[in-house]
Amino acid sequence: MQVIGGLWIFSVVGGWFSFLTLSYIVVLILYTAPVLYEKYEDHVDTAAEKAMVQIDKQYAVLNAKVLQKIPGGRLSSIKQH
């Protein structure tokens, strides 16, 4: 599911730029992100933990209201952890 979402976001953003520009942006991010993470590791980890809590809450709501109501689907048999 995460791969599909990532590809969808990549395709939407890719529609805004040419391939060369998008490639340059990706390379730039790949080289700067590790340096910025090392510098602000504590702040990033704190923000990521808060984001994961919110994502888990939203998934629980989605699971209860939508996914559990799909009859015979693969997602209805998945147990929430």
Protein backbone atom coordinates (compact mmCIF):
# COMPACT_ATOMS: atom_id res chain seq x y z
CA MET A 1 0.00 0.00 0.00
CA GLN A 2 2.86 2.39 0.79
CA VAL A 3 4.52 1.67 -2.56
CA ILE A 4 1.34 2.48 -4.45
CA GLY A 5 0.92 5.73 -2.52
CA GLY A 6 4.54 6.66 -3.14
CA LEU A 7 4.23 5.99 -6.86
CA TRP A 8 1.02 8.01 -7.04
CA ILE A 9 2.64 10.99 -5.30
CA PHE A 10 5.67 10.65 -7.57
CA SER A 11 3.44 10.68 -10.66
CA VAL A 12 1.50 13.74 -9.49
CA VAL A 13 4.69 15.66 -8.73
CA GLY A 14 6.21 14.39 -11.97
CA GLY A 15 3.37 15.99 -13.90
CA TRP A 16 4.45 19.38 -12.60
CA PHE A 17 8.06 19.16 -13.81
CA SER A 18 10.09 17.89 -16.74
CA PHE A 19 12.04 14.66 -16.27
CA LEU A 20 15.38 16.47 -16.09
CA THR A 21 14.16 18.92 -13.46
CA LEU A 22 12.56 16.16 -11.41
CA SER A 23 15.76 14.09 -11.60
CA TYR A 24 17.80 17.06 -10.40
CA ILE A 25 15.42 17.63 -7.47
CA VAL A 26 15.57 13.94 -6.47
CA VAL A 27 19.39 13.88 -6.58
CA LEU A 28 19.55 17.11 -4.58
CA ILE A 29 17.23 15.70 -1.92
CA LEU A 30 19.13 12.41 -1.76
CA TYR A 31 22.37 14.28 -1.01
CA THR A 32 21.00 16.85 1.44
CA ALA A 33 18.46 14.81 3.42
CA PRO A 34 21.00 12.68 5.36
CA VAL A 35 23.00 15.75 6.37
CA LEU A 36 19.90 17.59 7.54
CA TYR A 37 18.67 14.50 9.40
CA GLU A 38 21.94 14.17 11.30
CA LYS A 39 21.80 17.84 12.26
CA TYR A 40 18.16 17.81 13.40
CA GLU A 41 17.75 14.13 14.32
CA ASP A 42 15.96 14.72 17.64
CA HIS A 43 13.42 17.12 16.15
CA VAL A 44 12.75 14.86 13.17
CA ASP A 45 12.29 11.77 15.35
CA THR A 46 9.87 13.60 17.64
CA ALA A 47 7.83 14.88 14.70
CA ALA A 48 7.83 11.43 13.08
CA GLU A 49 6.55 9.79 16.27
CA LYS A 50 3.71 12.32 16.50
CA ALA A 51 2.88 11.78 12.83
CA MET A 52 2.80 7.99 13.27
CA VAL A 53 0.40 8.32 16.20
CA GLN A 54 -1.93 10.44 14.07
CA ILE A 55 -1.64 8.07 11.10
CA ASP A 56 -2.46 5.09 13.34
CA LYS A 57 -5.54 6.90 14.67
CA GLN A 58 -6.74 7.76 11.17
CA TYR A 59 -6.14 4.20 9.96
CA ALA A 60 -8.14 2.84 12.90
CA VAL A 61 -11.06 5.08 11.90
CA LEU A 62 -10.74 4.06 8.23
CA ASN A 63 -10.55 0.41 9.20
CA ALA A 64 -13.60 0.59 11.45
CA LYS A 65 -15.78 2.63 9.09
CA VAL A 66 -14.78 1.34 5.66
CA LEU A 67 -12.44 -1.63 5.47
CA GLN A 68 -14.31 -3.86 7.93
CA LYS A 69 -17.52 -3.38 5.91
CA ILE A 70 -16.09 -4.87 2.72
CA PRO A 71 -17.60 -8.35 2.52
CA GLY A 72 -15.20 -11.20 1.85
CA GLY A 73 -12.35 -8.87 1.03
CA ARG A 74 -8.78 -9.56 1.98
CA LEU A 75 -8.70 -6.44 4.17
CA SER A 76 -11.65 -7.50 6.30
CA SER A 77 -9.71 -10.50 7.61
CA ILE A 78 -6.66 -8.50 8.70
CA LYS A 79 -6.61 -8.09 12.44
CA GLN A 80 -5.71 -4.71 13.86
CA HIS A 81 -2.49 -4.77 15.90
